[in-house]
Each structure stands twice: as C-alpha cells, then as structure tokens.
Amino acid sequence: MYFWLGCLLGVTGLIISRVSNPAVPSENLVGKSIPYILGYIEGYKKKAKDANFKQAMNGCLVGTGVCLAVNVVMSVVSLMATPK
C-alpha cells in the first residue's frame, strides 16, 4: 500500500507513511507481561514505520522515474514532429 502511496502521491506519500500509526497484531501479545507488551508495541511500531517509509520511498523513486521517462519520450516525439 505504501509503495503505491509513494508512487502516486510522491512526497505526500512519504509524509503519510511517517505520520500513520501501524496496527500491532494482538495475537502475539496474549499471555505476555505488561513490560513485554509495551516493549513489543514500541519496537513493532518503529520497525513497521521504517518499513512503510522504505516502501513509500521506493514508490516515490519509481513514480519519479516513470514521469521522467514519459517526459523524455514526449520531448523526443515533439522534436521529431516539428517541421524543419
């Protein structure tokens, strides 16, 4: 999901990936102590945010590359179509 946000929204997708809070899977926390749960939640959110940002960054780079390629092709086509 974050790849597509980065690809389609660019920098806005990067900001969304940093601001959003990932949901922690609760099945991993059943029967665990409170300190363990708090540490797990904190660590999970940090790793998930980093992974989401990385996906958004990859999407942003791909989107930028596609836009550049389209612009280059359009420029070449318009230059070739210009009468001499």
PDB file of N, CA and C in Angstrom:
ATOM      1  N   MET A   1       0.810  -1.177   0.000  1.00  0.00           N
ATOM      2  CA  MET A   1       0.000   0.000   0.000  1.00  0.00           C
ATOM      3  C   MET A   1       0.872   1.267   0.000  1.00  0.00           C
ATOM      4  N   TYR A   2       1.909   1.278   0.809  1.00  0.00           N
ATOM      5  CA  TYR A   2       2.746   2.470   0.905  1.00  0.00           C
ATOM      6  C   TYR A   2       3.573   2.690  -0.355  1.00  0.00           C
ATOM      7  N   PHE A   3       3.889   1.604  -1.056  1.00  0.00           N
ATOM      8  CA  PHE A   3       4.580   1.753  -2.336  1.00  0.00           C
ATOM      9  C   PHE A   3       3.726   2.587  -3.280  1.00  0.00           C
ATOM     10  N   TRP A   4       2.435   2.255  -3.354  1.00  0.00           N
ATOM     11  CA  TRP A   4       1.540   2.971  -4.259  1.00  0.00           C
ATOM     12  C   TRP A   4       1.297   4.404  -3.795  1.00  0.00           C
ATOM     13  N   LEU A   5       1.255   4.613  -2.493  1.00  0.00           N
ATOM     14  CA  LEU A   5       1.129   5.989  -1.997  1.00  0.00           C
ATOM     15  C   LEU A   5       2.322   6.826  -2.449  1.00  0.00           C
ATOM     16  N   GLY A   6       3.524   6.265  -2.309  1.00  0.00           N
ATOM     17  CA  GLY A   6       4.719   6.980  -2.742  1.00  0.00           C
ATOM     18  C   GLY A   6       4.754   7.184  -4.241  1.00  0.00           C
ATOM     19  N   CYS A   7       4.305   6.168  -4.982  1.00  0.00           N
ATOM     20  CA  CYS A   7       4.334   6.228  -6.439  1.00  0.00           C
ATOM     21  C   CYS A   7       3.341   7.266  -6.962  1.00  0.00           C
ATOM     22  N   LEU A   8       2.159   7.278  -6.405  1.00  0.00           N
ATOM     23  CA  LEU A   8       1.103   8.155  -6.920  1.00  0.00           C
ATOM     24  C   LEU A   8       1.093   9.540  -6.283  1.00  0.00           C
ATOM     25  N   LEU A   9       1.518   9.642  -5.018  1.00  0.00           N
ATOM     26  CA  LEU A   9       1.436  10.924  -4.321  1.00  0.00           C
ATOM     27  C   LEU A   9       2.790  11.592  -4.090  1.00  0.00           C
ATOM     28  N   GLY A  10       3.879  10.894  -4.356  1.00  0.00           N
ATOM     29  CA  GLY A  10       5.212  11.473  -4.194  1.00  0.00           C
ATOM     30  C   GLY A  10       5.535  11.791  -2.745  1.00  0.00           C
ATOM     31  N   VAL A  11       5.949  13.008  -2.504  1.00  0.00           N
ATOM     32  CA  VAL A  11       6.372  13.427  -1.163  1.00  0.00           C
ATOM     33  C   VAL A  11       5.220  13.309  -0.163  1.00  0.00           C
ATOM     34  N   THR A  12       4.006  13.538  -0.613  1.00  0.00           N
ATOM     35  CA  THR A  12       2.854  13.395   0.280  1.00  0.00           C
ATOM     36  C   THR A  12       2.745  11.960   0.784  1.00  0.00           C
ATOM     37  N   GLY A  13       3.026  10.994  -0.075  1.00  0.00           N
ATOM     38  CA  GLY A  13       3.027   9.590   0.335  1.00  0.00           C
ATOM     39  C   GLY A  13       4.094   9.300   1.377  1.00  0.00           C
ATOM     40  N   LEU A  14       5.242   9.964   1.254  1.00  0.00           N
ATOM     41  CA  LEU A  14       6.304   9.803   2.254  1.00  0.00           C
ATOM     42  C   LEU A  14       5.853  10.351   3.609  1.00  0.00           C
ATOM     43  N   ILE A  15       5.196  11.497   3.574  1.00  0.00           N
ATOM     44  CA  ILE A  15       4.712  12.107   4.823  1.00  0.00           C
ATOM     45  C   ILE A  15       3.652  11.219   5.464  1.00  0.00           C
ATOM     46  N   ILE A  16       2.743  10.692   4.660  1.00  0.00           N
ATOM     47  CA  ILE A  16       1.698   9.814   5.193  1.00  0.00           C
ATOM     48  C   ILE A  16       2.317   8.584   5.851  1.00  0.00           C
ATOM     49  N   SER A  17       3.359   8.023   5.249  1.00  0.00           N
ATOM     50  CA  SER A  17       3.984   6.830   5.822  1.00  0.00           C
ATOM     51  C   SER A  17       4.649   7.126   7.165  1.00  0.00           C
ATOM     52  N   ARG A  18       5.119   8.347   7.365  1.00  0.00           N
ATOM     53  CA  ARG A  18       5.744   8.717   8.638  1.00  0.00           C
ATOM     54  C   ARG A  18       4.720   9.070   9.708  1.00  0.00           C
ATOM     55  N   VAL A  19       3.579   9.615   9.298  1.00  0.00           N
ATOM     56  CA  VAL A  19       2.574  10.090  10.256  1.00  0.00           C
ATOM     57  C   VAL A  19       1.651   8.959  10.723  1.00  0.00           C
ATOM     58  N   SER A  20       1.380   8.004   9.853  1.00  0.00           N
ATOM     59  CA  SER A  20       0.414   6.951  10.193  1.00  0.00           C
ATOM     60  C   SER A  20       0.982   6.016  11.261  1.00  0.00           C
ATOM     61  N   ASN A  21       0.079   5.468  12.062  1.00  0.00           N
ATOM     62  CA  ASN A  21       0.453   4.510  13.108  1.00  0.00           C
ATOM     63  C   ASN A  21       0.058   3.104  12.680  1.00  0.00           C
ATOM     64  N   PRO A  22       1.032   2.200  12.549  1.00  0.00           N
ATOM     65  CA  PRO A  22       0.718   0.835  12.136  1.00  0.00           C
ATOM     66  C   PRO A  22      -0.013   0.073  13.247  1.00  0.00           C
ATOM     67  N   ALA A  23      -0.904  -0.806  12.844  1.00  0.00           N
ATOM     68  CA  ALA A  23      -1.639  -1.630  13.801  1.00  0.00           C
ATOM     69  C   ALA A  23      -0.763  -2.792  14.254  1.00  0.00           C
ATOM     70  N   VAL A  24      -0.723  -3.019  15.549  1.00  0.00           N
ATOM     71  CA  VAL A  24       0.079  -4.093  16.123  1.00  0.00           C
ATOM     72  C   VAL A  24      -0.781  -5.351  16.190  1.00  0.00           C
ATOM     73  N   PRO A  25      -0.280  -6.484  15.664  1.00  0.00           N
ATOM     74  CA  PRO A  25      -1.055  -7.721  15.750  1.00  0.00           C
ATOM     75  C   PRO A  25      -1.155  -8.201  17.199  1.00  0.00           C
ATOM     76  N   SER A  26      -2.363  -8.318  17.690  1.00  0.00           N
ATOM     77  CA  SER A  26      -2.568  -8.634  19.108  1.00  0.00           C
ATOM     78  C   SER A  26      -2.358 -10.113  19.435  1.00  0.00           C
ATOM     79  N   GLU A  27      -2.387 -10.998  18.445  1.00  0.00           N
ATOM     80  CA  GLU A  27      -2.219 -12.423  18.741  1.00  0.00           C
ATOM     81  C   GLU A  27      -0.832 -12.754  19.283  1.00  0.00           C
ATOM     82  N   ASN A  28       0.145 -11.891  19.027  1.00  0.00           N
ATOM     83  CA  ASN A  28       1.496 -12.119  19.543  1.00  0.00           C
ATOM     84  C   ASN A  28       1.645 -11.686  20.999  1.00  0.00           C
ATOM     85  N   LEU A  29       0.623 -11.050  21.558  1.00  0.00           N
ATOM     86  CA  LEU A  29       0.735 -10.472  22.894  1.00  0.00           C
ATOM     87  C   LEU A  29      -0.061 -11.231  23.960  1.00  0.00           C
ATOM     88  N   VAL A  30      -0.795 -12.235  23.569  1.00  0.00           N
ATOM     89  CA  VAL A  30      -1.647 -12.968  24.513  1.00  0.00           C
ATOM     90  C   VAL A  30      -0.777 -13.688  25.539  1.00  0.00           C
ATOM     91  N   GLY A  31      -1.069 -13.438  26.822  1.00  0.00           N
ATOM     92  CA  GLY A  31      -0.370 -14.114  27.903  1.00  0.00           C
ATOM     93  C   GLY A  31       0.996 -13.555  28.245  1.00  0.00           C
ATOM     94  N   LYS A  32       1.357 -12.425  27.688  1.00  0.00           N
ATOM     95  CA  LYS A  32       2.673 -11.831  27.947  1.00  0.00           C
ATOM     96  C   LYS A  32       2.560 -10.784  29.054  1.00  0.00           C
ATOM     97  N   SER A  33       3.689 -10.461  29.656  1.00  0.00           N
ATOM     98  CA  SER A  33       3.713  -9.471  30.730  1.00  0.00           C
ATOM     99  C   SER A  33       3.563  -8.060  30.162  1.00  0.00           C
ATOM    100  N   ILE A  34       3.162  -7.128  31.031  1.00  0.00           N
ATOM    101  CA  ILE A  34       2.953  -5.737  30.619  1.00  0.00           C
ATOM    102  C   ILE A  34       4.239  -5.105  30.069  1.00  0.00           C
ATOM    103  N   PRO A  35       5.394  -5.245  30.742  1.00  0.00           N
ATOM    104  CA  PRO A  35       6.620  -4.659  30.171  1.00  0.00           C
ATOM    105  C   PRO A  35       6.954  -5.238  28.797  1.00  0.00           C
ATOM    106  N   TYR A  36       6.712  -6.550  28.626  1.00  0.00           N
ATOM    107  CA  TYR A  36       6.969  -7.167  27.326  1.00  0.00           C
ATOM    108  C   TYR A  36       6.046  -6.570  26.260  1.00  0.00           C
ATOM    109  N   ILE A  37       4.780  -6.433  26.608  1.00  0.00           N
ATOM    110  CA  ILE A  37       3.798  -5.892  25.658  1.00  0.00           C
ATOM    111  C   ILE A  37       4.172  -4.473  25.262  1.00  0.00           C
ATOM    112  N   LEU A  38       4.528  -3.639  26.232  1.00  0.00           N
ATOM    113  CA  LEU A  38       4.895  -2.252  25.927  1.00  0.00           C
ATOM    114  C   LEU A  38       6.130  -2.187  25.040  1.00  0.00           C
ATOM    115  N   GLY A  39       7.122  -3.005  25.348  1.00  0.00           N
ATOM    116  CA  GLY A  39       8.339  -3.041  24.527  1.00  0.00           C
ATOM    117  C   GLY A  39       8.064  -3.561  23.127  1.00  0.00           C
ATOM    118  N   TYR A  40       7.228  -4.577  23.059  1.00  0.00           N
ATOM    119  CA  TYR A  40       6.881  -5.159  21.760  1.00  0.00           C
ATOM    120  C   TYR A  40       6.159  -4.122  20.889  1.00  0.00           C
ATOM    121  N   ILE A  41       5.196  -3.427  21.471  1.00  0.00           N
ATOM    122  CA  ILE A  41       4.438  -2.427  20.718  1.00  0.00           C
ATOM    123  C   ILE A  41       5.352  -1.315  20.219  1.00  0.00           C
ATOM    124  N   GLU A  42       6.221  -0.833  21.089  1.00  0.00           N
ATOM    125  CA  GLU A  42       7.145   0.238  20.702  1.00  0.00           C
ATOM    126  C   GLU A  42       8.080  -0.215  19.579  1.00  0.00           C
ATOM    127  N   GLY A  43       8.660  -1.399  19.735  1.00  0.00           N
ATOM    128  CA  GLY A  43       9.572  -1.924  18.712  1.00  0.00           C
ATOM    129  C   GLY A  43       8.864  -2.219  17.398  1.00  0.00           C
ATOM    130  N   TYR A  44       7.666  -2.789  17.494  1.00  0.00           N
ATOM    131  CA  TYR A  44       6.906  -3.118  16.289  1.00  0.00           C
ATOM    132  C   TYR A  44       6.565  -1.851  15.503  1.00  0.00           C
ATOM    133  N   LYS A  45       6.102  -0.827  16.198  1.00  0.00           N
ATOM    134  CA  LYS A  45       5.724   0.408  15.517  1.00  0.00           C
ATOM    135  C   LYS A  45       6.920   1.063  14.844  1.00  0.00           C
ATOM    136  N   LYS A  46       8.071   1.045  15.511  1.00  0.00           N
ATOM    137  CA  LYS A  46       9.269   1.651  14.916  1.00  0.00           C
ATOM    138  C   LYS A  46       9.681   0.896  13.654  1.00  0.00           C
ATOM    139  N   LYS A  47       9.740  -0.438  13.749  1.00  0.00           N
ATOM    140  CA  LYS A  47      10.142  -1.219  12.575  1.00  0.00           C
ATOM    141  C   LYS A  47       9.124  -1.100  11.448  1.00  0.00           C
ATOM    142  N   ALA A  48       7.840  -1.104  11.802  1.00  0.00           N
ATOM    143  CA  ALA A  48       6.801  -1.002  10.773  1.00  0.00           C
ATOM    144  C   ALA A  48       6.844   0.362  10.094  1.00  0.00           C
ATOM    145  N   LYS A  49       7.057   1.429  10.868  1.00  0.00           N
ATOM    146  CA  LYS A  49       7.146   2.766  10.270  1.00  0.00           C
ATOM    147  C   LYS A  49       8.341   2.857   9.328  1.00  0.00           C
ATOM    148  N   ASP A  50       9.471   2.282   9.748  1.00  0.00           N
ATOM    149  CA  ASP A  50      10.651   2.294   8.885  1.00  0.00           C
ATOM    150  C   ASP A  50      10.390   1.522   7.591  1.00  0.00           C
ATOM    151  N   ALA A  51       9.750   0.358   7.698  1.00  0.00           N
ATOM    152  CA  ALA A  51       9.437  -0.446   6.508  1.00  0.00           C
ATOM    153  C   ALA A  51       8.447   0.284   5.604  1.00  0.00           C
ATOM    154  N   ASN A  52       7.448   0.921   6.203  1.00  0.00           N
ATOM    155  CA  ASN A  52       6.461   1.667   5.415  1.00  0.00           C
ATOM    156  C   ASN A  52       7.115   2.840   4.686  1.00  0.00           C
ATOM    157  N   PHE A  53       8.015   3.534   5.374  1.00  0.00           N
ATOM    158  CA  PHE A  53       8.709   4.664   4.750  1.00  0.00           C
ATOM    159  C   PHE A  53       9.581   4.181   3.598  1.00  0.00           C
ATOM    160  N   LYS A  54      10.249   3.048   3.799  1.00  0.00           N
ATOM    161  CA  LYS A  54      11.106   2.498   2.754  1.00  0.00           C
ATOM    162  C   LYS A  54      10.271   2.135   1.520  1.00  0.00           C
ATOM    163  N   GLN A  55       9.104   1.538   1.742  1.00  0.00           N
ATOM    164  CA  GLN A  55       8.222   1.203   0.622  1.00  0.00           C
ATOM    165  C   GLN A  55       7.739   2.470  -0.081  1.00  0.00           C
ATOM    166  N   ALA A  56       7.364   3.480   0.684  1.00  0.00           N
ATOM    167  CA  ALA A  56       6.905   4.740   0.090  1.00  0.00           C
ATOM    168  C   ALA A  56       8.033   5.411  -0.693  1.00  0.00           C
ATOM    169  N   MET A  57       9.245   5.350  -0.172  1.00  0.00           N
ATOM    170  CA  MET A  57      10.398   5.933  -0.872  1.00  0.00           C
ATOM    171  C   MET A  57      10.648   5.208  -2.193  1.00  0.00           C
ATOM    172  N   ASN A  58      10.576   3.877  -2.168  1.00  0.00           N
ATOM    173  CA  ASN A  58      10.744   3.119  -3.412  1.00  0.00           C
ATOM    174  C   ASN A  58       9.658   3.494  -4.419  1.00  0.00           C
ATOM    175  N   GLY A  59       8.440   3.632  -3.956  1.00  0.00           N
ATOM    176  CA  GLY A  59       7.354   4.040  -4.840  1.00  0.00           C
ATOM    177  C   GLY A  59       7.568   5.434  -5.394  1.00  0.00           C
ATOM    178  N   CYS A  60       8.047   6.319  -4.561  1.00  0.00           N
ATOM    179  CA  CYS A  60       8.317   7.696  -4.995  1.00  0.00           C
ATOM    180  C   CYS A  60       9.405   7.705  -6.074  1.00  0.00           C
ATOM    181  N   LEU A  61      10.434   6.907  -5.883  1.00  0.00           N
ATOM    182  CA  LEU A  61      11.511   6.834  -6.879  1.00  0.00           C
ATOM    183  C   LEU A  61      11.016   6.242  -8.189  1.00  0.00           C
ATOM    184  N   VAL A  62      10.202   5.202  -8.114  1.00  0.00           N
ATOM    185  CA  VAL A  62       9.650   4.598  -9.326  1.00  0.00           C
ATOM    186  C   VAL A  62       8.739   5.593 -10.042  1.00  0.00           C
ATOM    187  N   GLY A  63       7.879   6.263  -9.287  1.00  0.00           N
ATOM    188  CA  GLY A  63       6.993   7.257  -9.888  1.00  0.00           C
ATOM    189  C   GLY A  63       7.761   8.384 -10.555  1.00  0.00           C
ATOM    190  N   THR A  64       8.824   8.837  -9.905  1.00  0.00           N
ATOM    191  CA  THR A  64       9.662   9.895 -10.491  1.00  0.00           C
ATOM    192  C   THR A  64      10.332   9.400 -11.765  1.00  0.00           C
ATOM    193  N   GLY A  65      10.826   8.169 -11.733  1.00  0.00           N
ATOM    194  CA  GLY A  65      11.462   7.597 -12.926  1.00  0.00           C
ATOM    195  C   GLY A  65      10.491   7.468 -14.089  1.00  0.00           C
ATOM    196  N   VAL A  66       9.276   7.039 -13.797  1.00  0.00           N
ATOM    197  CA  VAL A  66       8.264   6.920 -14.855  1.00  0.00           C
ATOM    198  C   VAL A  66       7.932   8.292 -15.429  1.00  0.00           C
ATOM    199  N   CYS A  67       7.761   9.279 -14.564  1.00  0.00           N
ATOM    200  CA  CYS A  67       7.465  10.642 -15.042  1.00  0.00           C
ATOM    201  C   CYS A  67       8.592  11.182 -15.906  1.00  0.00           C
ATOM    202  N   LEU A  68       9.837  10.962 -15.484  1.00  0.00           N
ATOM    203  CA  LEU A  68      10.976  11.416 -16.282  1.00  0.00           C
ATOM    204  C   LEU A  68      11.012  10.721 -17.641  1.00  0.00           C
ATOM    205  N   ALA A  69      10.773   9.417 -17.643  1.00  0.00           N
ATOM    206  CA  ALA A  69      10.789   8.671 -18.904  1.00  0.00           C
ATOM    207  C   ALA A  69       9.695   9.164 -19.844  1.00  0.00           C
ATOM    208  N   VAL A  70       8.509   9.405 -19.312  1.00  0.00           N
ATOM    209  CA  VAL A  70       7.409   9.920 -20.142  1.00  0.00           C
ATOM    210  C   VAL A  70       7.764  11.291 -20.701  1.00  0.00           C
ATOM    211  N   ASN A  71       8.353  12.154 -19.879  1.00  0.00           N
ATOM    212  CA  ASN A  71       8.742  13.492 -20.353  1.00  0.00           C
ATOM    213  C   ASN A  71       9.806  13.428 -21.436  1.00  0.00           C
ATOM    214  N   VAL A  72      10.774  12.537 -21.287  1.00  0.00           N
ATOM    215  CA  VAL A  72      11.820  12.392 -22.303  1.00  0.00           C
ATOM    216  C   VAL A  72      11.211  11.907 -23.612  1.00  0.00           C
ATOM    217  N   VAL A  73      10.336  10.910 -23.532  1.00  0.00           N
ATOM    218  CA  VAL A  73       9.708  10.389 -24.744  1.00  0.00           C
ATOM    219  C   VAL A  73       8.859  11.474 -25.407  1.00  0.00           C
ATOM    220  N   MET A  74       8.111  12.215 -24.620  1.00  0.00           N
ATOM    221  CA  MET A  74       7.277  13.286 -25.180  1.00  0.00           C
ATOM    222  C   MET A  74       8.149  14.362 -25.832  1.00  0.00           C
ATOM    223  N   SER A  75       9.268  14.695 -25.229  1.00  0.00           N
ATOM    224  CA  SER A  75      10.172  15.705 -25.790  1.00  0.00           C
ATOM    225  C   SER A  75      10.747  15.233 -27.120  1.00  0.00           C
ATOM    226  N   VAL A  76      11.179  13.983 -27.168  1.00  0.00           N
ATOM    227  CA  VAL A  76      11.747  13.434 -28.396  1.00  0.00           C
ATOM    228  C   VAL A  76      10.690  13.400 -29.493  1.00  0.00           C
ATOM    229  N   VAL A  77       9.496  12.959 -29.153  1.00  0.00           N
ATOM    230  CA  VAL A  77       8.427  12.904 -30.140  1.00  0.00           C
ATOM    231  C   VAL A  77       8.083  14.293 -30.664  1.00  0.00           C
ATOM    232  N   SER A  78       8.002  15.278 -29.767  1.00  0.00           N
ATOM    233  CA  SER A  78       7.672  16.637 -30.213  1.00  0.00           C
ATOM    234  C   SER A  78       8.805  17.221 -31.065  1.00  0.00           C
ATOM    235  N   LEU A  79      10.052  16.908 -30.759  1.00  0.00           N
ATOM    236  CA  LEU A  79      11.176  17.386 -31.579  1.00  0.00           C
ATOM    237  C   LEU A  79      11.160  16.755 -32.950  1.00  0.00           C
ATOM    238  N   MET A  80      10.814  15.471 -33.015  1.00  0.00           N
ATOM    239  CA  MET A  80      10.776  14.774 -34.291  1.00  0.00           C
ATOM    240  C   MET A  80       9.594  15.223 -35.138  1.00  0.00           C
ATOM    241  N   ALA A  81       8.526  15.666 -34.496  1.00  0.00           N
ATOM    242  CA  ALA A  81       7.329  16.069 -35.226  1.00  0.00           C
ATOM    243  C   ALA A  81       7.396  17.529 -35.679  1.00  0.00           C
ATOM    244  N   THR A  82       8.342  18.282 -35.170  1.00  0.00           N
ATOM    245  CA  THR A  82       8.480  19.688 -35.538  1.00  0.00           C
ATOM    246  C   THR A  82       8.992  19.785 -36.982  1.00  0.00           C
ATOM    247  N   PRO A  83       8.299  20.538 -37.847  1.00  0.00           N
ATOM    248  CA  PRO A  83       8.769  20.682 -39.239  1.00  0.00           C
ATOM    249  C   PRO A  83      10.084  21.464 -39.277  1.00  0.00           C
ATOM    250  N   LYS A  84      10.910  21.110 -40.232  1.00  0.00           N
ATOM    251  CA  LYS A  84      12.218  21.761 -40.371  1.00  0.00           C
ATOM    252  C   LYS A  84      12.177  22.884 -41.360  1.00  0.00           C
TER     253      LYS A  84
END
